[in-house]
Amino acid sequence: MSALADSPSGMPLRLSEQAASALLRALGAYLRSTPRRELPGALRRFHGLRQAALGPHAPQILSALDLEDVRARVSEYLQEGRPRRGRSEAELLRVAVERPEGWMEKLETHEVTPTATAIARPPLRARESGQLVERERKKAEAARAGERRARERGRALETASARTIAALQDEVGALKAQTRTALETEAAAQRRAAKLVDEKQRVERKRRRDLEAARSSEKDLRAKLKGVKGELAASRAQTKELERRLGAFERPNPGAPARPAEPGGPRRPLAVPHGLFEDDPSTLDGWLGMTGVTLVVDGYNVSKHEGGFKALELEGQRERVIDEVGRLASRKKIVAIVVFDGAVVAPGSSRPRRGAIRVEYSRPPESADDHLVGLLDELPPSPVVVVTSDQELQGRASALGATIATSGQLLELIR
């Protein structure tokens, strides 16, 4: 009777049952006495098994001797003299790993002295076959039970996964619905916003058109008003010239008192003193020396005139004009009124009347020119000298019988 072990190289090892058992016992001693980490990889899984448990694995264990690293490790084990019993078994193992010439024949013919234990025990396969069958049956039942448990766990996991997937799908559907609702709401809000923007732009365009139309109408009206004022100023200038020519026949002396106007009659301009020009500073000085004359000054026209006080701030300009005209009025013993444009004056800047001078400010939208002309309408019809270089204002004042002097004439007198 022989044992057949298929080696990894494909070469069958045909050994007698006794030689195979002896070789397996020698290898079993090697597997039990050697630390697991020092065993070759092909035998490491058999470490620590009892000799009886090695029987079912005999073909794999014996076939591992065909590997060089296995033989090298076992050879080191034998050379160290670690086997303590079974000399014949150790010698048989040495032949199997060193493989001298004719080693196959030596394995087949090697005589192994059976140990007492080997003689007493029945052959390995016959003795343990029943136990092996029972163990294998139990292993198969355990494997089937494990498989059943695995299938049950798989089904449970599959059911739980299906529920989780269904819940996630429901959640995704709800989120999609919320997203659609949010997008629709946003789109509606954007449409409303765009509509409001369009409406605002439409209103703004209409407002601009209306504003442009109003400005155009205002411009036309101003142009017409300017034309009318020009015509009126020209007419008044002609009237003044005629009155001046008419009064040239009765030129008063410079120091003579002004002839009072007839009660309820119109104011008449003063005649130019004999031998002087109308724009001569001495002419203005002569007029202011007449009794009952009122001096009305276009304040900013004087301060901003060439040779005036335009280098100063507006407040400084006003103060300088007021002070200089006040001194002139005191010297001439006349009443003087200075008119400023109130649109460029901070609230509370007006000054009360001081001595013979009175300061007045126009109130927006009224201009200083309109205020001065209105003042002429309010004053008695006695002689009034208006100081301004504004030709339009000169024409309007002349039409009311005022005597016109330029800002340059006044500046020459107050220097």
Protein backbone atom coordinates (compact mmCIF):
# COMPACT_ATOMS: atom_id res chain seq x y z
CA MET A 1 0.00 0.00 0.00
CA SER A 2 1.40 3.40 -0.96
CA ALA A 3 0.54 7.10 -0.50
CA LEU A 4 0.49 9.44 -3.46
CA ALA A 5 1.35 13.16 -2.95
CA ASP A 6 1.14 15.52 -5.95
CA SER A 7 4.04 17.94 -5.81
CA PRO A 8 3.72 21.57 -7.12
CA SER A 9 6.02 20.61 -9.95
CA GLY A 10 3.63 17.93 -11.00
CA MET A 11 5.98 15.05 -10.01
CA PRO A 12 4.08 12.47 -7.91
CA LEU A 13 5.74 11.23 -4.74
CA ARG A 14 4.82 7.54 -4.41
CA LEU A 15 5.61 6.49 -0.85
CA SER A 16 4.61 3.58 1.23
CA GLU A 17 1.99 4.24 3.87
CA GLN A 18 4.59 3.76 6.55
CA ALA A 19 7.11 6.15 4.89
CA ALA A 20 4.44 8.77 4.23
CA SER A 21 3.27 8.60 7.86
CA ALA A 22 6.85 8.87 9.10
CA LEU A 23 7.57 11.85 6.83
CA LEU A 24 4.30 13.53 7.97
CA ARG A 25 5.22 12.93 11.64
CA ALA A 26 8.63 14.54 11.07
CA LEU A 27 7.03 17.54 9.42
CA GLY A 28 4.45 17.73 12.22
CA ALA A 29 7.22 17.95 14.77
CA TYR A 30 8.78 20.75 12.68
CA LEU A 31 5.47 22.62 12.47
CA ARG A 32 4.83 22.39 16.22
CA SER A 33 8.32 23.27 17.40
CA THR A 34 8.98 26.18 15.06
CA PRO A 35 7.50 29.67 15.69
CA ARG A 36 4.84 30.57 13.16
CA ARG A 37 6.69 33.62 11.87
CA GLU A 38 9.72 31.40 11.02
CA LEU A 39 7.68 28.88 9.00
CA PRO A 40 7.64 29.16 5.19
CA GLY A 41 4.46 30.61 3.75
CA ALA A 42 3.22 27.32 2.30
CA LEU A 43 3.23 25.65 5.76
CA ARG A 44 2.36 28.57 8.01
CA ARG A 45 -1.37 27.77 8.05
CA PHE A 46 -0.63 24.32 9.56
CA HIS A 47 1.28 25.69 12.52
CA GLY A 48 0.26 24.33 15.92
CA LEU A 49 -1.97 21.52 14.57
CA ARG A 50 -1.87 18.23 16.47
CA GLN A 51 -0.43 15.31 14.63
CA ALA A 52 -3.87 13.74 14.29
CA ALA A 53 -5.20 16.89 12.63
CA LEU A 54 -2.48 16.85 9.97
CA GLY A 55 -3.80 13.68 8.30
CA PRO A 56 -6.44 15.33 6.08
CA HIS A 57 -3.80 17.82 4.90
CA ALA A 58 -1.08 15.27 4.16
CA PRO A 59 -1.11 15.78 0.35
CA GLN A 60 -0.65 19.56 0.69
CA ILE A 61 2.00 19.28 3.41
CA LEU A 62 4.05 16.65 1.58
CA SER A 63 3.73 18.49 -1.75
CA ALA A 64 5.13 21.67 -0.11
CA LEU A 65 8.52 19.89 0.08
CA ASP A 66 8.90 20.58 -3.64
CA LEU A 67 9.34 24.32 -2.88
CA GLU A 68 12.91 25.50 -2.46
CA ASP A 69 12.22 27.89 0.40
CA VAL A 70 10.38 25.13 2.32
CA ARG A 71 13.26 22.72 1.86
CA ALA A 72 15.76 25.41 2.88
CA ARG A 73 13.90 26.18 6.12
CA VAL A 74 13.44 22.52 7.00
CA SER A 75 17.12 21.85 6.23
CA GLU A 76 18.15 24.61 8.68
CA TYR A 77 15.86 23.03 11.26
CA LEU A 78 17.53 19.62 10.77
CA GLN A 79 21.06 21.05 10.83
CA GLU A 80 20.39 22.75 14.16
CA GLY A 81 19.70 19.28 15.60
CA ARG A 82 16.38 20.33 16.95
CA PRO A 83 14.59 16.94 16.40
CA ARG A 84 15.03 14.94 19.61
CA ARG A 85 13.34 11.70 18.70
CA GLY A 86 12.45 9.71 15.68
CA ARG A 87 15.99 9.60 14.23
CA SER A 88 14.87 7.48 11.29
CA GLU A 89 11.98 9.89 10.60
CA ALA A 90 14.37 12.86 10.75
CA GLU A 91 16.75 11.08 8.36
CA LEU A 92 13.87 10.42 5.98
CA LEU A 93 12.95 14.13 6.15
CA ARG A 94 16.59 15.09 5.46
CA VAL A 95 16.57 12.94 2.27
CA ALA A 96 13.30 14.55 1.20
CA VAL A 97 14.63 18.12 1.59
CA GLU A 98 18.28 17.71 0.52
CA ARG A 99 17.44 15.37 -2.36
CA PRO A 100 20.77 13.71 -2.96
CA GLU A 101 21.34 11.56 -6.06
CA GLY A 102 18.83 8.74 -6.12
CA TRP A 103 16.75 10.40 -3.40
CA MET A 104 13.48 9.07 -4.85
CA GLU A 105 14.69 5.47 -4.51
CA LYS A 106 15.95 6.21 -1.00
CA LEU A 107 12.52 7.51 -0.01
CA GLU A 108 10.85 4.39 -1.42
CA THR A 109 13.25 1.95 0.17
CA HIS A 110 14.01 3.75 3.43
CA GLU A 111 13.20 1.63 6.41
CA VAL A 112 11.42 3.52 9.19
CA THR A 113 11.33 2.04 12.67
CA PRO A 114 7.79 2.47 13.86
CA THR A 115 7.37 4.07 17.23
CA ALA A 116 5.40 2.49 19.98
CA THR A 117 2.66 4.93 19.47
CA ALA A 118 2.53 4.23 15.75
CA ILE A 119 2.37 0.48 16.37
CA ALA A 120 -0.39 0.85 18.89
CA ARG A 121 -2.51 3.12 16.80
CA PRO A 122 -4.42 2.08 13.69
CA PRO A 123 -3.53 3.67 10.35
CA LEU A 124 -4.21 7.45 10.21
CA ARG A 125 -6.97 7.42 7.62
CA ALA A 126 -8.85 4.46 9.05
CA ARG A 127 -8.73 5.72 12.64
CA GLU A 128 -9.84 9.25 12.06
CA SER A 129 -12.08 8.90 9.05
CA GLY A 130 -15.23 8.81 11.18
CA GLN A 131 -14.16 11.85 13.14
CA LEU A 132 -13.23 13.66 9.96
CA VAL A 133 -16.57 12.89 8.39
CA GLU A 134 -18.38 14.14 11.51
CA ARG A 135 -16.28 17.29 11.63
CA GLU A 136 -16.85 17.92 7.95
CA ARG A 137 -20.59 17.36 8.42
CA LYS A 138 -20.65 19.83 11.28
CA LYS A 139 -18.61 22.29 9.23
CA ALA A 140 -21.04 21.91 6.33
CA GLU A 141 -24.02 22.46 8.64
CA ALA A 142 -22.30 25.49 10.16
CA ALA A 143 -21.53 26.78 6.69
CA ARG A 144 -25.14 26.29 5.62
CA ALA A 145 -26.37 27.99 8.79
CA GLY A 146 -23.95 30.85 8.18
CA GLU A 147 -25.14 31.04 4.60
CA ARG A 148 -28.76 31.16 5.77
CA ARG A 149 -27.90 33.91 8.26
CA ALA A 150 -26.01 35.75 5.57
CA ARG A 151 -28.98 35.48 3.21
CA GLU A 152 -31.31 36.68 5.97
CA ARG A 153 -28.98 39.60 6.72
CA GLY A 154 -28.77 40.30 2.99
CA ARG A 155 -32.56 40.30 2.67
CA ALA A 156 -32.85 42.54 5.74
CA LEU A 157 -30.24 44.88 4.34
CA GLU A 158 -31.96 44.83 0.97
CA THR A 159 -35.30 45.65 2.60
CA ALA A 160 -33.74 48.44 4.68
CA SER A 161 -31.94 49.75 1.61
CA ALA A 162 -35.17 49.71 -0.38
CA ARG A 163 -36.92 51.63 2.39
CA THR A 164 -34.05 54.10 2.63
CA ILE A 165 -34.03 54.54 -1.15
CA ALA A 166 -37.80 55.07 -1.16
CA ALA A 167 -37.53 57.64 1.65
CA LEU A 168 -34.69 59.41 -0.15
CA GLN A 169 -36.67 59.39 -3.38
CA ASP A 170 -39.65 60.90 -1.55
CA GLU A 171 -37.36 63.55 0.00
CA VAL A 172 -35.81 64.30 -3.39
CA GLY A 173 -39.28 64.63 -4.89
CA ALA A 174 -40.32 67.02 -2.11
CA LEU A 175 -37.15 69.05 -2.60
CA LYS A 176 -37.76 69.19 -6.34
CA ALA A 177 -41.31 70.41 -5.72
CA GLN A 178 -40.02 73.05 -3.30
CA THR A 179 -37.37 74.08 -5.82
CA ARG A 180 -40.00 74.39 -8.58
CA THR A 181 -42.21 76.47 -6.28
CA ALA A 182 -39.27 78.69 -5.30
CA LEU A 183 -38.26 79.14 -8.94
CA GLU A 184 -41.81 79.99 -9.93
CA THR A 185 -42.05 82.48 -7.05
CA GLU A 186 -38.73 84.04 -8.02
CA ALA A 187 -39.78 84.25 -11.66
CA ALA A 188 -43.05 85.94 -10.66
CA ALA A 189 -41.15 88.38 -8.44
CA GLN A 190 -38.74 89.14 -11.27
CA ARG A 191 -41.65 89.77 -13.62
CA ARG A 192 -43.25 92.12 -11.09
CA ALA A 193 -39.94 93.88 -10.54
CA ALA A 194 -39.42 94.25 -14.29
CA LYS A 195 -42.94 95.61 -14.64
CA LEU A 196 -42.33 98.12 -11.83
CA VAL A 197 -39.03 99.15 -13.43
CA ASP A 198 -40.77 99.64 -16.79
CA GLU A 199 -43.51 101.66 -15.12
CA LYS A 200 -40.96 103.77 -13.26
CA GLN A 201 -39.00 104.37 -16.45
CA ARG A 202 -42.18 105.28 -18.28
CA VAL A 203 -43.15 107.76 -15.54
CA GLU A 204 -39.60 109.15 -15.53
CA ARG A 205 -39.66 109.60 -19.30
CA LYS A 206 -43.02 111.36 -19.10
CA ARG A 207 -41.73 113.58 -16.28
CA ARG A 208 -38.69 114.47 -18.34
CA ARG A 209 -40.82 115.25 -21.37
CA ASP A 210 -43.10 117.42 -19.25
CA LEU A 211 -40.09 119.11 -17.68
CA GLU A 212 -38.52 119.75 -21.07
CA ALA A 213 -41.80 121.12 -22.34
CA ALA A 214 -42.14 123.36 -19.27
CA ARG A 215 -38.58 124.57 -19.67
CA SER A 216 -39.14 125.22 -23.32
CA SER A 217 -42.32 127.15 -22.52
CA GLU A 218 -40.51 129.04 -19.76
CA LYS A 219 -37.68 129.84 -22.17
CA ASP A 220 -40.17 131.12 -24.75
CA LEU A 221 -41.96 133.19 -22.12
CA ARG A 222 -38.69 134.60 -20.83
CA ALA A 223 -37.68 135.49 -24.37
CA LYS A 224 -41.01 137.21 -24.94
CA LEU A 225 -40.78 138.96 -21.56
CA LYS A 226 -37.27 140.09 -22.35
CA GLY A 227 -38.46 141.45 -25.68
CA VAL A 228 -41.31 143.29 -23.99
CA LYS A 229 -38.96 144.66 -21.34
CA GLY A 230 -36.56 145.75 -24.04
CA GLU A 231 -39.29 147.50 -25.90
CA LEU A 232 -40.50 149.10 -22.66
CA ALA A 233 -36.96 150.14 -21.75
CA ALA A 234 -36.46 151.64 -25.20
CA SER A 235 -39.75 153.48 -24.90
CA ARG A 236 -38.83 154.79 -21.46
CA ALA A 237 -35.39 155.80 -22.69
CA GLN A 238 -36.98 157.75 -25.49
CA THR A 239 -39.33 159.34 -22.98
CA LYS A 240 -36.42 160.19 -20.72
CA GLU A 241 -34.50 161.73 -23.61
CA LEU A 242 -37.48 163.80 -24.57
CA GLU A 243 -37.96 164.91 -20.97
CA ARG A 244 -34.27 165.71 -20.67
CA ARG A 245 -34.37 167.84 -23.79
CA LEU A 246 -37.49 169.50 -22.53
CA GLY A 247 -35.93 170.26 -19.14
CA ALA A 248 -32.70 171.58 -20.71
CA PHE A 249 -34.39 174.91 -21.09
CA GLU A 250 -34.57 175.24 -17.27
CA ARG A 251 -31.22 174.01 -15.91
CA PRO A 252 -31.06 174.62 -12.13
CA ASN A 253 -27.91 175.56 -10.31
CA PRO A 254 -26.03 172.64 -8.72
CA GLY A 255 -26.67 173.91 -5.20
CA ALA A 256 -30.30 174.80 -5.79
CA PRO A 257 -32.95 172.62 -4.08
CA ALA A 258 -34.71 170.07 -6.27
CA ARG A 259 -38.03 171.25 -7.55
CA PRO A 260 -40.63 169.14 -5.82
CA ALA A 261 -42.99 167.25 -8.03
CA GLU A 262 -46.50 168.36 -8.32
CA PRO A 263 -48.75 166.56 -5.84
CA GLY A 264 -49.93 163.37 -7.48
CA GLY A 265 -47.76 164.08 -10.53
CA PRO A 266 -45.09 161.81 -12.03
CA ARG A 267 -41.49 161.78 -10.85
CA ARG A 268 -39.13 163.57 -13.22
CA PRO A 269 -35.40 162.92 -13.73
CA LEU A 270 -32.93 165.57 -12.65
CA ALA A 271 -31.25 167.69 -15.31
CA VAL A 272 -27.50 167.40 -15.97
CA PRO A 273 -25.63 170.40 -14.44
CA HIS A 274 -24.41 172.96 -16.94
CA GLY A 275 -21.01 172.19 -18.42
CA LEU A 276 -20.90 168.55 -17.19
CA PHE A 277 -21.52 165.19 -18.85
CA GLU A 278 -24.23 162.87 -17.64
CA ASP A 279 -21.75 160.11 -16.64
CA ASP A 280 -19.33 162.47 -14.89
CA PRO A 281 -18.80 161.76 -11.13
CA SER A 282 -19.27 165.50 -10.50
CA THR A 283 -22.73 165.22 -12.04
CA LEU A 284 -23.68 162.58 -9.43
CA ASP A 285 -22.11 164.70 -6.70
CA GLY A 286 -24.25 167.68 -7.86
CA TRP A 287 -27.43 165.61 -7.87
CA LEU A 288 -26.79 164.32 -4.34
CA GLY A 289 -26.29 167.91 -3.16
CA MET A 290 -29.89 168.82 -4.00
CA THR A 291 -32.46 168.93 -1.25
CA GLY A 292 -35.01 166.07 -1.02
CA VAL A 293 -33.03 163.64 -3.22
CA THR A 294 -33.15 159.90 -2.35
CA LEU A 295 -30.23 157.66 -3.35
CA VAL A 296 -31.07 154.05 -4.32
CA VAL A 297 -28.04 151.74 -4.93
CA ASP A 298 -27.93 148.38 -6.75
CA GLY A 299 -25.55 146.85 -4.13
CA TYR A 300 -23.96 143.91 -5.91
CA ASN A 301 -23.71 145.85 -9.18
CA VAL A 302 -21.52 148.37 -7.38
CA SER A 303 -19.43 145.85 -5.40
CA LYS A 304 -18.74 143.66 -8.47
CA HIS A 305 -18.03 146.60 -10.77
CA GLU A 306 -14.53 147.09 -12.11
CA GLY A 307 -12.75 149.04 -9.39
CA GLY A 308 -15.26 147.85 -6.79
CA PHE A 309 -14.91 145.24 -4.02
CA LYS A 310 -15.26 141.95 -5.91
CA ALA A 311 -11.98 140.64 -4.41
CA LEU A 312 -13.86 140.24 -1.09
CA GLU A 313 -16.33 137.54 -0.10
CA LEU A 314 -20.01 138.42 -0.63
CA GLU A 315 -20.49 139.35 3.01
CA GLY A 316 -17.41 141.56 2.89
CA GLN A 317 -18.67 143.18 -0.30
CA ARG A 318 -22.01 143.99 1.33
CA GLU A 319 -20.36 145.45 4.42
CA ARG A 320 -18.04 147.63 2.35
CA VAL A 321 -20.85 149.03 0.15
CA ILE A 322 -23.07 149.69 3.18
CA ASP A 323 -20.29 151.48 5.05
CA GLU A 324 -19.18 153.63 2.09
CA VAL A 325 -22.72 154.60 1.02
CA GLY A 326 -23.62 155.31 4.66
CA ARG A 327 -20.72 157.75 5.00
CA LEU A 328 -21.67 159.40 1.69
CA ALA A 329 -25.32 159.75 2.79
CA SER A 330 -24.26 161.27 6.12
CA ARG A 331 -21.97 163.70 4.36
CA LYS A 332 -24.63 164.73 1.85
CA LYS A 333 -27.45 164.60 4.44
CA ILE A 334 -29.67 162.48 2.18
CA VAL A 335 -31.60 159.24 2.53
CA ALA A 336 -29.86 156.23 0.91
CA ILE A 337 -31.29 152.76 0.24
CA VAL A 338 -29.02 149.83 -0.75
CA VAL A 339 -30.71 146.81 -2.34
CA PHE A 340 -29.10 143.32 -2.40
CA ASP A 341 -30.23 140.02 -3.93
CA GLY A 342 -31.56 137.96 -0.99
CA ALA A 343 -31.10 134.63 -2.83
CA VAL A 344 -27.37 134.67 -2.07
CA VAL A 345 -27.70 135.86 1.53
CA ALA A 346 -27.88 133.43 4.45
CA PRO A 347 -31.01 133.75 6.63
CA GLY A 348 -30.59 136.34 9.40
CA SER A 349 -27.92 138.30 7.51
CA SER A 350 -30.05 141.42 6.94
CA ARG A 351 -29.07 144.49 8.94
CA PRO A 352 -31.44 147.04 10.46
CA ARG A 353 -31.56 150.61 9.31
CA ARG A 354 -28.54 152.64 10.46
CA GLY A 355 -28.84 156.43 10.41
CA ALA A 356 -29.64 157.76 6.97
CA ILE A 357 -29.03 154.41 5.17
CA ARG A 358 -31.50 151.55 4.79
CA VAL A 359 -30.55 148.07 3.57
CA GLU A 360 -33.15 145.88 1.85
CA TYR A 361 -32.98 142.32 0.46
CA SER A 362 -35.12 140.76 -2.21
CA ARG A 363 -37.01 137.61 -1.30
CA PRO A 364 -36.80 134.67 -3.78
CA PRO A 365 -38.19 134.25 -6.34
CA GLU A 366 -38.12 138.06 -6.52
CA SER A 367 -34.85 139.42 -7.94
CA ALA A 368 -32.97 142.46 -6.64
CA ASP A 369 -33.90 144.36 -9.86
CA ASP A 370 -37.62 143.67 -9.36
CA HIS A 371 -37.36 144.69 -5.71
CA LEU A 372 -35.64 147.95 -6.64
CA VAL A 373 -38.27 148.77 -9.29
CA GLY A 374 -41.03 147.96 -6.79
CA LEU A 375 -39.33 150.27 -4.31
CA LEU A 376 -39.46 153.13 -6.84
CA ASP A 377 -43.19 152.60 -7.17
CA GLU A 378 -43.58 152.88 -3.40
CA LEU A 379 -41.43 156.00 -2.88
CA PRO A 380 -42.99 159.50 -3.11
CA PRO A 381 -42.64 161.24 -6.53
CA SER A 382 -39.67 163.28 -5.28
CA PRO A 383 -36.34 163.00 -7.14
CA VAL A 384 -34.62 159.58 -6.87
CA VAL A 385 -31.09 158.80 -8.11
CA VAL A 386 -30.63 155.10 -8.97
CA VAL A 387 -27.02 153.87 -9.13
CA THR A 388 -26.54 150.82 -11.41
CA SER A 389 -24.68 149.90 -14.58
CA ASP A 390 -27.28 147.29 -15.57
CA GLN A 391 -28.78 148.70 -18.77
CA GLU A 392 -32.05 146.80 -18.42
CA LEU A 393 -32.50 148.07 -14.86
CA GLN A 394 -31.56 151.57 -16.00
CA GLY A 395 -34.36 151.43 -18.58
CA ARG A 396 -36.92 150.19 -16.05
CA ALA A 397 -35.91 152.85 -13.49
CA SER A 398 -35.92 155.62 -16.11
CA ALA A 399 -39.46 154.69 -17.04
CA LEU A 400 -40.44 155.51 -13.43
CA GLY A 401 -38.79 158.97 -13.60
CA ALA A 402 -35.58 158.00 -11.75
CA THR A 403 -32.31 159.78 -12.45
CA ILE A 404 -29.68 157.22 -13.54
CA ALA A 405 -26.05 157.21 -12.38
CA THR A 406 -23.50 154.44 -13.03
CA SER A 407 -21.68 152.32 -10.48
CA GLY A 408 -18.41 153.83 -11.70
CA GLN A 409 -19.62 157.35 -10.83
CA LEU A 410 -20.51 156.23 -7.27
CA LEU A 411 -17.19 154.45 -6.77
CA GLU A 412 -15.34 157.61 -7.78
CA LEU A 413 -17.18 159.56 -5.09
CA ILE A 414 -16.69 157.05 -2.23
CA ARG A 415 -12.98 156.34 -2.81
